[in-house]
Amino acid sequence: MADPAKREAARRSLEYMDLEPGHRLQDIAVEHIFIGSCTNSR
C-alpha cells in the first residue's frame, strides 16, 4: 500500500483479525453467522 497511513491501519487490522498477508480468503474459518441488521434483514 502506497499510503503510509493505510499501511499502518492495515497492519493493525491484520493483527486484530489474526490474519497473515497472502492468506486465501476462502480458507478463513468462521464460528458465527449473522443474517440481519438494517442493511440486510428484509
Full PDB file with SEQRES, HELIX, SHEET, SSBOND, CRYST1, ORIGX, SCALE, CONECT and MASTER records, all heavy atoms in Angstrom:
SEQRES   1 A   42  MET ALA ASP PRO ALA LYS ARG GLU ALA ALA ARG ARG SER          
SEQRES   2 A   42  LEU GLU TYR MET ASP LEU GLU PRO GLY HIS ARG LEU GLN          
SEQRES   3 A   42  ASP ILE ALA VAL GLU HIS ILE PHE ILE GLY SER CYS THR          
SEQRES   4 A   42  ASN SER ARG                                                  
HELIX    1 AA1 PRO A    4  MET A   17  1                                  14    
HELIX    2 AA2 LEU A   25  ASP A   27  5                                   3    
CRYST1    1.000    1.000    1.000  90.00  90.00  90.00 P 1           1          
ORIGX1      1.000000  0.000000  0.000000        0.00000                         
ORIGX2      0.000000  1.000000  0.000000        0.00000                         
ORIGX3      0.000000  0.000000  1.000000        0.00000                         
SCALE1      1.000000  0.000000  0.000000        0.00000                         
SCALE2      0.000000  1.000000  0.000000        0.00000                         
SCALE3      0.000000  0.000000  1.000000        0.00000                         
ATOM      1  N   MET A   1       0.837  -1.204   0.000  1.00  0.00           N  
ATOM      2  CA  MET A   1       0.000   0.000   0.000  1.00  0.00           C  
ATOM      3  C   MET A   1       0.866   1.244   0.000  1.00  0.00           C  
ATOM      4  O   MET A   1       1.761   1.398   0.843  1.00  0.00           O  
ATOM      5  CB  MET A   1      -0.933  -0.019   1.220  1.00  0.00           C  
ATOM      6  CG  MET A   1      -1.859  -1.220   1.230  1.00  0.00           C  
ATOM      7  SD  MET A   1      -2.882  -1.316   2.727  1.00  0.00           S  
ATOM      8  CE  MET A   1      -3.774  -2.852   2.409  1.00  0.00           C  
ATOM      9  N   ALA A   2       0.595   2.134  -0.933  1.00  0.00           N  
ATOM     10  CA  ALA A   2       1.427   3.321  -1.103  1.00  0.00           C  
ATOM     11  C   ALA A   2       1.257   4.331   0.024  1.00  0.00           C  
ATOM     12  O   ALA A   2       2.214   4.999   0.426  1.00  0.00           O  
ATOM     13  CB  ALA A   2       1.108   3.983  -2.450  1.00  0.00           C  
ATOM     14  N   ASP A   3       0.036   4.453   0.546  1.00  0.00           N  
ATOM     15  CA  ASP A   3      -0.266   5.439   1.581  1.00  0.00           C  
ATOM     16  C   ASP A   3       0.239   4.921   2.938  1.00  0.00           C  
ATOM     17  O   ASP A   3      -0.218   3.880   3.412  1.00  0.00           O  
ATOM     18  CB  ASP A   3      -1.777   5.675   1.637  1.00  0.00           C  
ATOM     19  CG  ASP A   3      -2.173   6.781   2.597  1.00  0.00           C  
ATOM     20  OD1 ASP A   3      -1.426   7.032   3.559  1.00  0.00           O  
ATOM     21  OD2 ASP A   3      -3.248   7.371   2.401  1.00  0.00           O  
ATOM     22  N   PRO A   4       1.145   5.642   3.595  1.00  0.00           N  
ATOM     23  CA  PRO A   4       1.684   5.188   4.891  1.00  0.00           C  
ATOM     24  C   PRO A   4       0.598   4.994   5.950  1.00  0.00           C  
ATOM     25  O   PRO A   4       0.681   4.054   6.748  1.00  0.00           O  
ATOM     26  CB  PRO A   4       2.646   6.311   5.288  1.00  0.00           C  
ATOM     27  CG  PRO A   4       3.008   6.985   4.013  1.00  0.00           C  
ATOM     28  CD  PRO A   4       1.795   6.877   3.141  1.00  0.00           C  
ATOM     29  N   ALA A   5      -0.399   5.878   5.962  1.00  0.00           N  
ATOM     30  CA  ALA A   5      -1.474   5.762   6.949  1.00  0.00           C  
ATOM     31  C   ALA A   5      -2.283   4.486   6.720  1.00  0.00           C  
ATOM     32  O   ALA A   5      -2.644   3.778   7.667  1.00  0.00           O  
ATOM     33  CB  ALA A   5      -2.373   6.989   6.889  1.00  0.00           C  
ATOM     34  N   LYS A   6      -2.554   4.189   5.447  1.00  0.00           N  
ATOM     35  CA  LYS A   6      -3.307   2.969   5.134  1.00  0.00           C  
ATOM     36  C   LYS A   6      -2.469   1.722   5.441  1.00  0.00           C  
ATOM     37  O   LYS A   6      -3.002   0.698   5.881  1.00  0.00           O  
ATOM     38  CB  LYS A   6      -3.753   2.979   3.670  1.00  0.00           C  
ATOM     39  CG  LYS A   6      -4.884   3.955   3.371  1.00  0.00           C  
ATOM     40  CD  LYS A   6      -5.402   3.775   1.969  1.00  0.00           C  
ATOM     41  CE  LYS A   6      -6.546   4.741   1.680  1.00  0.00           C  
ATOM     42  NZ  LYS A   6      -7.739   4.473   2.494  1.00  0.00           N  
ATOM     43  N   ARG A   7      -1.165   1.813   5.218  1.00  0.00           N  
ATOM     44  CA  ARG A   7      -0.272   0.697   5.533  1.00  0.00           C  
ATOM     45  C   ARG A   7      -0.348   0.360   7.014  1.00  0.00           C  
ATOM     46  O   ARG A   7      -0.497  -0.795   7.408  1.00  0.00           O  
ATOM     47  CB  ARG A   7       1.171   1.053   5.163  1.00  0.00           C  
ATOM     48  CG  ARG A   7       1.625   0.483   3.840  1.00  0.00           C  
ATOM     49  CD  ARG A   7       3.139   0.435   3.735  1.00  0.00           C  
ATOM     50  NE  ARG A   7       3.861   1.593   4.194  1.00  0.00           N  
ATOM     51  CZ  ARG A   7       4.150   2.657   3.460  1.00  0.00           C  
ATOM     52  NH1 ARG A   7       3.745   2.728   2.205  1.00  0.00           N  
ATOM     53  NH2 ARG A   7       4.836   3.653   3.966  1.00  0.00           N  
ATOM     54  N   GLU A   8      -0.241   1.391   7.843  1.00  0.00           N  
ATOM     55  CA  GLU A   8      -0.255   1.171   9.282  1.00  0.00           C  
ATOM     56  C   GLU A   8      -1.624   0.679   9.748  1.00  0.00           C  
ATOM     57  O   GLU A   8      -1.725  -0.204  10.606  1.00  0.00           O  
ATOM     58  CB  GLU A   8       0.125   2.470  10.017  1.00  0.00           C  
ATOM     59  CG  GLU A   8       0.178   2.341  11.535  1.00  0.00           C  
ATOM     60  CD  GLU A   8       1.118   1.244  12.011  1.00  0.00           C  
ATOM     61  OE1 GLU A   8       2.132   0.980  11.331  1.00  0.00           O  
ATOM     62  OE2 GLU A   8       0.831   0.644  13.065  1.00  0.00           O  
ATOM     63  N   ALA A   9      -2.684   1.238   9.180  1.00  0.00           N  
ATOM     64  CA  ALA A   9      -4.033   0.795   9.540  1.00  0.00           C  
ATOM     65  C   ALA A   9      -4.239  -0.667   9.162  1.00  0.00           C  
ATOM     66  O   ALA A   9      -4.850  -1.446   9.920  1.00  0.00           O  
ATOM     67  CB  ALA A   9      -5.066   1.669   8.846  1.00  0.00           C  
ATOM     68  N   ALA A  10      -3.726  -1.062   8.009  1.00  0.00           N  
ATOM     69  CA  ALA A  10      -3.862  -2.449   7.565  1.00  0.00           C  
ATOM     70  C   ALA A  10      -3.100  -3.394   8.494  1.00  0.00           C  
ATOM     71  O   ALA A  10      -3.579  -4.483   8.823  1.00  0.00           O  
ATOM     72  CB  ALA A  10      -3.378  -2.604   6.133  1.00  0.00           C  
ATOM     73  N   ARG A  11      -1.930  -2.978   8.934  1.00  0.00           N  
ATOM     74  CA  ARG A  11      -1.158  -3.812   9.861  1.00  0.00           C  
ATOM     75  C   ARG A  11      -1.921  -4.019  11.169  1.00  0.00           C  
ATOM     76  O   ARG A  11      -1.974  -5.131  11.708  1.00  0.00           O  
ATOM     77  CB  ARG A  11       0.207  -3.167  10.138  1.00  0.00           C  
ATOM     78  CG  ARG A  11       1.164  -3.208   8.950  1.00  0.00           C  
ATOM     79  CD  ARG A  11       2.579  -2.857   9.381  1.00  0.00           C  
ATOM     80  NE  ARG A  11       3.459  -2.782   8.219  1.00  0.00           N  
ATOM     81  CZ  ARG A  11       3.930  -1.650   7.703  1.00  0.00           C  
ATOM     82  NH1 ARG A  11       3.597  -0.490   8.237  1.00  0.00           N  
ATOM     83  NH2 ARG A  11       4.726  -1.678   6.642  1.00  0.00           N  
ATOM     84  N   ARG A  12      -2.507  -2.926  11.677  1.00  0.00           N  
ATOM     85  CA  ARG A  12      -3.281  -3.045  12.923  1.00  0.00           C  
ATOM     86  C   ARG A  12      -4.502  -3.939  12.711  1.00  0.00           C  
ATOM     87  O   ARG A  12      -4.861  -4.739  13.591  1.00  0.00           O  
ATOM     88  CB  ARG A  12      -3.709  -1.657  13.415  1.00  0.00           C  
ATOM     89  CG  ARG A  12      -2.557  -0.795  13.933  1.00  0.00           C  
ATOM     90  CD  ARG A  12      -3.089   0.375  14.752  1.00  0.00           C  
ATOM     91  NE  ARG A  12      -3.993   1.212  13.973  1.00  0.00           N  
ATOM     92  CZ  ARG A  12      -3.615   2.264  13.261  1.00  0.00           C  
ATOM     93  NH1 ARG A  12      -2.327   2.611  13.218  1.00  0.00           N  
ATOM     94  NH2 ARG A  12      -4.483   2.979  12.585  1.00  0.00           N  
ATOM     95  N   SER A  13      -5.144  -3.795  11.557  1.00  0.00           N  
ATOM     96  CA  SER A  13      -6.317  -4.621  11.260  1.00  0.00           C  
ATOM     97  C   SER A  13      -5.961  -6.094  11.235  1.00  0.00           C  
ATOM     98  O   SER A  13      -6.660  -6.932  11.810  1.00  0.00           O  
ATOM     99  CB  SER A  13      -6.913  -4.220   9.899  1.00  0.00           C  
ATOM    100  OG  SER A  13      -7.576  -2.985   9.976  1.00  0.00           O  
ATOM    101  N   LEU A  14      -4.867  -6.427  10.564  1.00  0.00           N  
ATOM    102  CA  LEU A  14      -4.474  -7.829  10.444  1.00  0.00           C  
ATOM    103  C   LEU A  14      -4.070  -8.412  11.798  1.00  0.00           C  
ATOM    104  O   LEU A  14      -4.340  -9.581  12.086  1.00  0.00           O  
ATOM    105  CB  LEU A  14      -3.336  -7.983   9.438  1.00  0.00           C  
ATOM    106  CG  LEU A  14      -3.698  -7.658   7.982  1.00  0.00           C  
ATOM    107  CD1 LEU A  14      -2.525  -7.952   7.063  1.00  0.00           C  
ATOM    108  CD2 LEU A  14      -4.923  -8.443   7.537  1.00  0.00           C  
ATOM    109  N   GLU A  15      -3.466  -7.585  12.643  1.00  0.00           N  
ATOM    110  CA  GLU A  15      -3.116  -8.059  13.977  1.00  0.00           C  
ATOM    111  C   GLU A  15      -4.386  -8.371  14.777  1.00  0.00           C  
ATOM    112  O   GLU A  15      -4.483  -9.410  15.433  1.00  0.00           O  
ATOM    113  CB  GLU A  15      -2.281  -7.006  14.701  1.00  0.00           C  
ATOM    114  CG  GLU A  15      -1.840  -7.440  16.100  1.00  0.00           C  
ATOM    115  CD  GLU A  15      -0.988  -6.384  16.796  1.00  0.00           C  
ATOM    116  OE1 GLU A  15      -0.703  -5.342  16.171  1.00  0.00           O  
ATOM    117  OE2 GLU A  15      -0.622  -6.606  17.952  1.00  0.00           O  
ATOM    118  N   TYR A  16      -5.375  -7.470  14.710  1.00  0.00           N  
ATOM    119  CA  TYR A  16      -6.628  -7.686  15.429  1.00  0.00           C  
ATOM    120  C   TYR A  16      -7.379  -8.896  14.872  1.00  0.00           C  
ATOM    121  O   TYR A  16      -7.939  -9.700  15.623  1.00  0.00           O  
ATOM    122  CB  TYR A  16      -7.509  -6.435  15.324  1.00  0.00           C  
ATOM    123  CG  TYR A  16      -8.846  -6.576  16.020  1.00  0.00           C  
ATOM    124  CD1 TYR A  16      -8.958  -6.350  17.385  1.00  0.00           C  
ATOM    125  CD2 TYR A  16      -9.999  -6.933  15.315  1.00  0.00           C  
ATOM    126  CE1 TYR A  16     -10.180  -6.477  18.035  1.00  0.00           C  
ATOM    127  CE2 TYR A  16     -11.221  -7.067  15.946  1.00  0.00           C  
ATOM    128  CZ  TYR A  16     -11.303  -6.836  17.309  1.00  0.00           C  
ATOM    129  OH  TYR A  16     -12.513  -6.979  17.949  1.00  0.00           O  
ATOM    130  N   MET A  17      -7.378  -9.019  13.551  1.00  0.00           N  
ATOM    131  CA  MET A  17      -8.114 -10.107  12.903  1.00  0.00           C  
ATOM    132  C   MET A  17      -7.354 -11.430  12.909  1.00  0.00           C  
ATOM    133  O   MET A  17      -7.894 -12.463  12.509  1.00  0.00           O  
ATOM    134  CB  MET A  17      -8.449  -9.722  11.458  1.00  0.00           C  
ATOM    135  CG  MET A  17      -9.391  -8.529  11.322  1.00  0.00           C  
ATOM    136  SD  MET A  17     -11.050  -8.831  11.970  1.00  0.00           S  
ATOM    137  CE  MET A  17     -11.700  -9.970  10.732  1.00  0.00           C  
ATOM    138  N   ASP A  18      -6.090 -11.395  13.358  1.00  0.00           N  
ATOM    139  CA  ASP A  18      -5.246 -12.596  13.404  1.00  0.00           C  
ATOM    140  C   ASP A  18      -5.146 -13.237  12.022  1.00  0.00           C  
ATOM    141  O   ASP A  18      -5.390 -14.433  11.837  1.00  0.00           O  
ATOM    142  CB  ASP A  18      -5.791 -13.607  14.426  1.00  0.00           C  
ATOM    143  CG  ASP A  18      -4.799 -14.740  14.699  1.00  0.00           C  
ATOM    144  OD1 ASP A  18      -3.588 -14.504  14.572  1.00  0.00           O  
ATOM    145  OD2 ASP A  18      -5.258 -15.861  15.021  1.00  0.00           O  
ATOM    146  N   LEU A  19      -4.773 -12.409  11.045  1.00  0.00           N  
ATOM    147  CA  LEU A  19      -4.615 -12.881   9.672  1.00  0.00           C  
ATOM    148  C   LEU A  19      -3.235 -12.497   9.151  1.00  0.00           C  
ATOM    149  O   LEU A  19      -2.665 -11.485   9.575  1.00  0.00           O  
ATOM    150  CB  LEU A  19      -5.699 -12.283   8.763  1.00  0.00           C  
ATOM    151  CG  LEU A  19      -7.142 -12.733   9.019  1.00  0.00           C  
ATOM    152  CD1 LEU A  19      -8.096 -11.903   8.168  1.00  0.00           C  
ATOM    153  CD2 LEU A  19      -7.305 -14.222   8.728  1.00  0.00           C  
ATOM    154  N   GLU A  20      -2.735 -13.285   8.214  1.00  0.00           N  
ATOM    155  CA  GLU A  20      -1.446 -13.027   7.600  1.00  0.00           C  
ATOM    156  C   GLU A  20      -1.628 -12.625   6.139  1.00  0.00           C  
ATOM    157  O   GLU A  20      -2.537 -13.121   5.456  1.00  0.00           O  
ATOM    158  CB  GLU A  20      -0.563 -14.284   7.654  1.00  0.00           C  
ATOM    159  CG  GLU A  20      -0.178 -14.713   9.061  1.00  0.00           C  
ATOM    160  CD  GLU A  20       0.792 -13.748   9.718  1.00  0.00           C  
ATOM    161  OE1 GLU A  20       1.522 -13.044   8.969  1.00  0.00           O  
ATOM    162  OE2 GLU A  20       0.810 -13.682  10.962  1.00  0.00           O  
ATOM    163  N   PRO A  21      -0.796 -11.723   5.624  1.00  0.00           N  
ATOM    164  CA  PRO A  21      -0.858 -11.383   4.191  1.00  0.00           C  
ATOM    165  C   PRO A  21      -0.731 -12.639   3.340  1.00  0.00           C  
ATOM    166  O   PRO A  21       0.034 -13.557   3.658  1.00  0.00           O  
ATOM    167  CB  PRO A  21       0.352 -10.466   4.001  1.00  0.00           C  
ATOM    168  CG  PRO A  21       0.607  -9.874   5.350  1.00  0.00           C  
ATOM    169  CD  PRO A  21       0.257 -10.958   6.326  1.00  0.00           C  
ATOM    170  N   GLY A  22      -1.523 -12.693   2.281  1.00  0.00           N  
ATOM    171  CA  GLY A  22      -1.480 -13.831   1.381  1.00  0.00           C  
ATOM    172  C   GLY A  22      -2.407 -14.970   1.763  1.00  0.00           C  
ATOM    173  O   GLY A  22      -2.579 -15.915   0.982  1.00  0.00           O  
ATOM    174  N   HIS A  23      -3.012 -14.882   2.947  1.00  0.00           N  
ATOM    175  CA  HIS A  23      -3.949 -15.931   3.387  1.00  0.00           C  
ATOM    176  C   HIS A  23      -5.166 -15.933   2.461  1.00  0.00           C  
ATOM    177  O   HIS A  23      -5.818 -14.922   2.282  1.00  0.00           O  
ATOM    178  CB  HIS A  23      -4.383 -15.647   4.834  1.00  0.00           C  
ATOM    179  CG  HIS A  23      -5.068 -16.788   5.509  1.00  0.00           C  
ATOM    180  ND1 HIS A  23      -4.676 -17.276   6.737  1.00  0.00           N  
ATOM    181  CD2 HIS A  23      -6.136 -17.540   5.146  1.00  0.00           C  
ATOM    182  CE1 HIS A  23      -5.457 -18.269   7.087  1.00  0.00           C  
ATOM    183  NE2 HIS A  23      -6.358 -18.442   6.139  1.00  0.00           N  
ATOM    184  N   ARG A  24      -5.468 -17.073   1.866  1.00  0.00           N  
ATOM    185  CA  ARG A  24      -6.638 -17.162   0.981  1.00  0.00           C  
ATOM    186  C   ARG A  24      -7.914 -16.905   1.771  1.00  0.00           C  
ATOM    187  O   ARG A  24      -8.134 -17.507   2.818  1.00  0.00           O  
ATOM    188  CB  ARG A  24      -6.724 -18.560   0.349  1.00  0.00           C  
ATOM    189  CG  ARG A  24      -6.004 -18.701  -0.974  1.00  0.00           C  
ATOM    190  CD  ARG A  24      -6.169 -20.078  -1.597  1.00  0.00           C  
ATOM    191  NE  ARG A  24      -7.273 -20.864  -1.107  1.00  0.00           N  
ATOM    192  CZ  ARG A  24      -8.395 -21.128  -1.801  1.00  0.00           C  
ATOM    193  NH1 ARG A  24      -8.553 -20.624  -3.012  1.00  0.00           N  
ATOM    194  NH2 ARG A  24      -9.326 -21.900  -1.288  1.00  0.00           N  
ATOM    195  N   LEU A  25      -8.740 -16.010   1.267  1.00  0.00           N  
ATOM    196  CA  LEU A  25      -9.966 -15.672   1.987  1.00  0.00           C  
ATOM    197  C   LEU A  25     -10.849 -16.897   2.172  1.00  0.00           C  
ATOM    198  O   LEU A  25     -11.500 -17.048   3.217  1.00  0.00           O  
ATOM    199  CB  LEU A  25     -10.721 -14.569   1.230  1.00  0.00           C  
ATOM    200  CG  LEU A  25     -10.013 -13.203   1.221  1.00  0.00           C  
ATOM    201  CD1 LEU A  25     -10.736 -12.236   0.307  1.00  0.00           C  
ATOM    202  CD2 LEU A  25      -9.931 -12.630   2.632  1.00  0.00           C  
ATOM    203  N   GLN A  26     -10.894 -17.781   1.193  1.00  0.00           N  
ATOM    204  CA  GLN A  26     -11.760 -18.957   1.297  1.00  0.00           C  
ATOM    205  C   GLN A  26     -11.217 -20.016   2.265  1.00  0.00           C  
ATOM    206  O   GLN A  26     -11.877 -21.028   2.497  1.00  0.00           O  
ATOM    207  CB  GLN A  26     -11.996 -19.562  -0.084  1.00  0.00           C  
ATOM    208  CG  GLN A  26     -12.796 -18.629  -0.989  1.00  0.00           C  
ATOM    209  CD  GLN A  26     -13.283 -19.291  -2.251  1.00  0.00           C  
ATOM    210  OE1 GLN A  26     -14.160 -20.147  -2.205  1.00  0.00           O  
ATOM    211  NE2 GLN A  26     -12.716 -18.912  -3.374  1.00  0.00           N  
ATOM    212  N   ASP A  27     -10.045 -19.779   2.838  1.00  0.00           N  
ATOM    213  CA  ASP A  27      -9.505 -20.690   3.845  1.00  0.00           C  
ATOM    214  C   ASP A  27      -9.769 -20.187   5.270  1.00  0.00           C  
ATOM    215  O   ASP A  27      -9.333 -20.811   6.242  1.00  0.00           O  
ATOM    216  CB  ASP A  27      -7.995 -20.862   3.656  1.00  0.00           C  
ATOM    217  CG  ASP A  27      -7.656 -21.644   2.394  1.00  0.00           C  
ATOM    218  OD1 ASP A  27      -8.528 -22.409   1.929  1.00  0.00           O  
ATOM    219  OD2 ASP A  27      -6.546 -21.473   1.861  1.00  0.00           O  
ATOM    220  N   ILE A  28     -10.468 -19.054   5.402  1.00  0.00           N  
ATOM    221  CA  ILE A  28     -10.727 -18.478   6.730  1.00  0.00           C  
ATOM    222  C   ILE A  28     -11.965 -19.125   7.335  1.00  0.00           C  
ATOM    223  O   ILE A  28     -13.077 -18.990   6.813  1.00  0.00           O  
ATOM    224  CB  ILE A  28     -10.902 -16.952   6.647  1.00  0.00           C  
ATOM    225  CG1 ILE A  28      -9.615 -16.297   6.120  1.00  0.00           C  
ATOM    226  CG2 ILE A  28     -11.276 -16.380   8.014  1.00  0.00           C  
ATOM    227  CD1 ILE A  28      -9.743 -14.809   5.882  1.00  0.00           C  
ATOM    228  N   ALA A  29     -11.794 -19.836   8.444  1.00  0.00           N  
ATOM    229  CA  ALA A  29     -12.910 -20.486   9.129  1.00  0.00           C  
ATOM    230  C   ALA A  29     -13.657 -19.475   9.996  1.00  0.00           C  
ATOM    231  O   ALA A  29     -13.071 -18.518  10.514  1.00  0.00           O  
ATOM    232  CB  ALA A  29     -12.395 -21.634   9.990  1.00  0.00           C  
ATOM    233  N   VAL A  30     -14.959 -19.670  10.152  1.00  0.00           N  
ATOM    234  CA  VAL A  30     -15.786 -18.810  10.999  1.00  0.00           C  
ATOM    235  C   VAL A  30     -16.551 -19.678  11.993  1.00  0.00           C  
ATOM    236  O   VAL A  30     -16.776 -20.873  11.755  1.00  0.00           O  
ATOM    237  CB  VAL A  30     -16.767 -17.957  10.166  1.00  0.00           C  
ATOM    238  CG1 VAL A  30     -16.013 -16.983   9.275  1.00  0.00           C  
ATOM    239  CG2 VAL A  30     -17.695 -18.828   9.333  1.00  0.00           C  
ATOM    240  N   GLU A  31     -16.940 -19.064  13.106  1.00  0.00           N  
ATOM    241  CA  GLU A  31     -17.697 -19.784  14.139  1.00  0.00           C  
ATOM    242  C   GLU A  31     -19.124 -19.284  14.289  1.00  0.00           C  
ATOM    243  O   GLU A  31     -19.956 -19.955  14.903  1.00  0.00           O  
ATOM    244  CB  GLU A  31     -16.994 -19.663  15.506  1.00  0.00           C  
ATOM    245  CG  GLU A  31     -15.644 -20.338  15.601  1.00  0.00           C  
ATOM    246  CD  GLU A  31     -14.513 -19.469  15.057  1.00  0.00           C  
ATOM    247  OE1 GLU A  31     -14.654 -18.229  15.082  1.00  0.00           O  
ATOM    248  OE2 GLU A  31     -13.503 -20.037  14.597  1.00  0.00           O  
ATOM    249  N   HIS A  32     -19.406 -18.095  13.750  1.00  0.00           N  
ATOM    250  CA  HIS A  32     -20.722 -17.485  13.945  1.00  0.00           C  
ATOM    251  C   HIS A  32     -21.244 -16.943  12.615  1.00  0.00           C  
ATOM    252  O   HIS A  32     -20.466 -16.477  11.785  1.00  0.00           O  
ATOM    253  CB  HIS A  32     -20.640 -16.358  14.979  1.00  0.00           C  
ATOM    254  CG  HIS A  32     -20.161 -16.822  16.320  1.00  0.00           C  
ATOM    255  ND1 HIS A  32     -21.009 -17.222  17.322  1.00  0.00           N  
ATOM    256  CD2 HIS A  32     -18.900 -16.974  16.804  1.00  0.00           C  
ATOM    257  CE1 HIS A  32     -20.304 -17.597  18.371  1.00  0.00           C  
ATOM    258  NE2 HIS A  32     -19.020 -17.451  18.087  1.00  0.00           N  
ATOM    259  N   ILE A  33     -22.552 -16.967  12.477  1.00  0.00           N  
ATOM    260  CA  ILE A  33     -23.225 -16.444  11.282  1.00  0.00           C  
ATOM    261  C   ILE A  33     -24.315 -15.484  11.750  1.00  0.00           C  
ATOM    262  O   ILE A  33     -25.122 -15.828  12.633  1.00  0.00           O  
ATOM    263  CB  ILE A  33     -23.882 -17.567  10.448  1.00  0.00           C  
ATOM    264  CG1 ILE A  33     -22.877 -18.669  10.118  1.00  0.00           C  
ATOM    265  CG2 ILE A  33     -24.531 -16.982   9.192  1.00  0.00           C  
ATOM    266  CD1 ILE A  33     -21.749 -18.261   9.211  1.00  0.00           C  
ATOM    267  N   PHE A  34     -24.338 -14.295  11.164  1.00  0.00           N  
ATOM    268  CA  PHE A  34     -25.412 -13.343  11.473  1.00  0.00           C  
ATOM    269  C   PHE A  34     -26.007 -12.812  10.178  1.00  0.00           C  
ATOM    270  O   PHE A  34     -25.334 -12.139   9.398  1.00  0.00           O  
ATOM    271  CB  PHE A  34     -24.875 -12.172  12.312  1.00  0.00           C  
ATOM    272  CG  PHE A  34     -25.883 -11.067  12.492  1.00  0.00           C  
ATOM    273  CD1 PHE A  34     -27.139 -11.318  13.030  1.00  0.00           C  
ATOM    274  CD2 PHE A  34     -25.579  -9.765  12.113  1.00  0.00           C  
ATOM    275  CE1 PHE A  34     -28.075 -10.302  13.184  1.00  0.00           C  
ATOM    276  CE2 PHE A  34     -26.504  -8.741  12.265  1.00  0.00           C  
ATOM    277  CZ  PHE A  34     -27.757  -9.010  12.803  1.00  0.00           C  
ATOM    278  N   ILE A  35     -27.270 -13.133   9.966  1.00  0.00           N  
ATOM    279  CA  ILE A  35     -28.014 -12.609   8.824  1.00  0.00           C  
ATOM    280  C   ILE A  35     -29.130 -11.742   9.384  1.00  0.00           C  
ATOM    281  O   ILE A  35     -30.096 -12.235   9.974  1.00  0.00           O  
ATOM    282  CB  ILE A  35     -28.570 -13.753   7.945  1.00  0.00           C  
ATOM    283  CG1 ILE A  35     -27.408 -14.567   7.371  1.00  0.00           C  
ATOM    284  CG2 ILE A  35     -29.449 -13.191   6.820  1.00  0.00           C  
ATOM    285  CD1 ILE A  35     -27.823 -15.782   6.574  1.00  0.00           C  
ATOM    286  N   GLY A  36     -28.966 -10.432   9.246  1.00  0.00           N  
ATOM    287  CA  GLY A  36     -29.909  -9.467   9.812  1.00  0.00           C  
ATOM    288  C   GLY A  36     -29.340  -8.069   9.691  1.00  0.00           C  
ATOM    289  O   GLY A  36     -28.506  -7.795   8.828  1.00  0.00           O  
ATOM    290  N   SER A  37     -29.794  -7.138  10.535  1.00  0.00           N  
ATOM    291  CA  SER A  37     -29.390  -5.729  10.620  1.00  0.00           C  
ATOM    292  C   SER A  37     -30.212  -4.857   9.684  1.00  0.00           C  
ATOM    293  O   SER A  37     -30.901  -5.351   8.781  1.00  0.00           O  
ATOM    294  CB  SER A  37     -27.893  -5.527  10.340  1.00  0.00           C  
ATOM    295  OG  SER A  37     -27.645  -5.407   8.950  1.00  0.00           O  
ATOM    296  N   CYS A  38     -30.070  -3.537   9.844  1.00  0.00           N  
ATOM    297  CA  CYS A  38     -30.818  -2.606   8.993  1.00  0.00           C  
ATOM    298  C   CYS A  38     -30.297  -2.615   7.567  1.00  0.00           C  
ATOM    299  O   CYS A  38     -30.892  -2.024   6.670  1.00  0.00           O  
ATOM    300  CB  CYS A  38     -30.810  -1.192   9.568  1.00  0.00           C  
ATOM    301  SG  CYS A  38     -29.173  -0.441   9.750  1.00  0.00           S  
ATOM    302  N   THR A  39     -29.183  -3.308   7.331  1.00  0.00           N  
ATOM    303  CA  THR A  39     -28.628  -3.417   5.990  1.00  0.00           C  
ATOM    304  C   THR A  39     -29.231  -4.577   5.213  1.00  0.00           C  
ATOM    305  O   THR A  39     -29.515  -4.453   4.025  1.00  0.00           O  
ATOM    306  CB  THR A  39     -27.093  -3.607   6.065  1.00  0.00           C  
ATOM    307  OG1 THR A  39     -26.540  -2.644   6.945  1.00  0.00           O  
ATOM    308  CG2 THR A  39     -26.451  -3.463   4.703  1.00  0.00           C  
ATOM    309  N   ASN A  40     -29.412  -5.704   5.863  1.00  0.00           N  
ATOM    310  CA  ASN A  40     -29.810  -6.928   5.147  1.00  0.00           C  
ATOM    311  C   ASN A  40     -30.738  -7.818   5.964  1.00  0.00           C  
ATOM    312  O   ASN A  40     -30.397  -8.952   6.289  1.00  0.00           O  
ATOM    313  CB  ASN A  40     -28.573  -7.747   4.764  1.00  0.00           C  
ATOM    314  CG  ASN A  40     -27.831  -7.200   3.578  1.00  0.00           C  
ATOM    315  OD1 ASN A  40     -26.646  -6.898   3.661  1.00  0.00           O  
ATOM    316  ND2 ASN A  40     -28.504  -7.084   2.447  1.00  0.00           N  
ATOM    317  N   SER A  41     -31.926  -7.312   6.308  1.00  0.00           N  
ATOM    318  CA  SER A  41     -32.865  -8.124   7.087  1.00  0.00           C  
ATOM    319  C   SER A  41     -34.273  -8.109   6.509  1.00  0.00           C  
ATOM    320  O   SER A  41     -35.234  -8.453   7.184  1.00  0.00           O  
ATOM    321  CB  SER A  41     -32.928  -7.609   8.529  1.00  0.00           C  
ATOM    322  OG  SER A  41     -33.414  -6.269   8.542  1.00  0.00           O  
ATOM    323  N   ARG A  42     -34.367  -7.701   5.228  1.00  0.00           N  
ATOM    324  CA  ARG A  42     -35.681  -7.617   4.589  1.00  0.00           C  
ATOM    325  C   ARG A  42     -36.008  -8.929   3.889  1.00  0.00           C  
ATOM    326  O   ARG A  42     -35.186  -9.829   3.804  1.00  0.00           O  
ATOM    327  CB  ARG A  42     -35.705  -6.416   3.642  1.00  0.00           C  
ATOM    328  CG  ARG A  42     -35.477  -5.095   4.389  1.00  0.00           C  
ATOM    329  CD  ARG A  42     -35.285  -3.896   3.484  1.00  0.00           C  
ATOM    330  NE  ARG A  42     -35.064  -2.696   4.279  1.00  0.00           N  
ATOM    331  CZ  ARG A  42     -33.878  -2.316   4.766  1.00  0.00           C  
ATOM    332  NH1 ARG A  42     -32.798  -3.043   4.502  1.00  0.00           N  
ATOM    333  NH2 ARG A  42     -33.765  -1.236   5.494  1.00  0.00           N  
TER     334      ARG A  42                                                      
MASTER        0    0    0    2    0    0    0    6  333    1    0    4          
END                                                                             
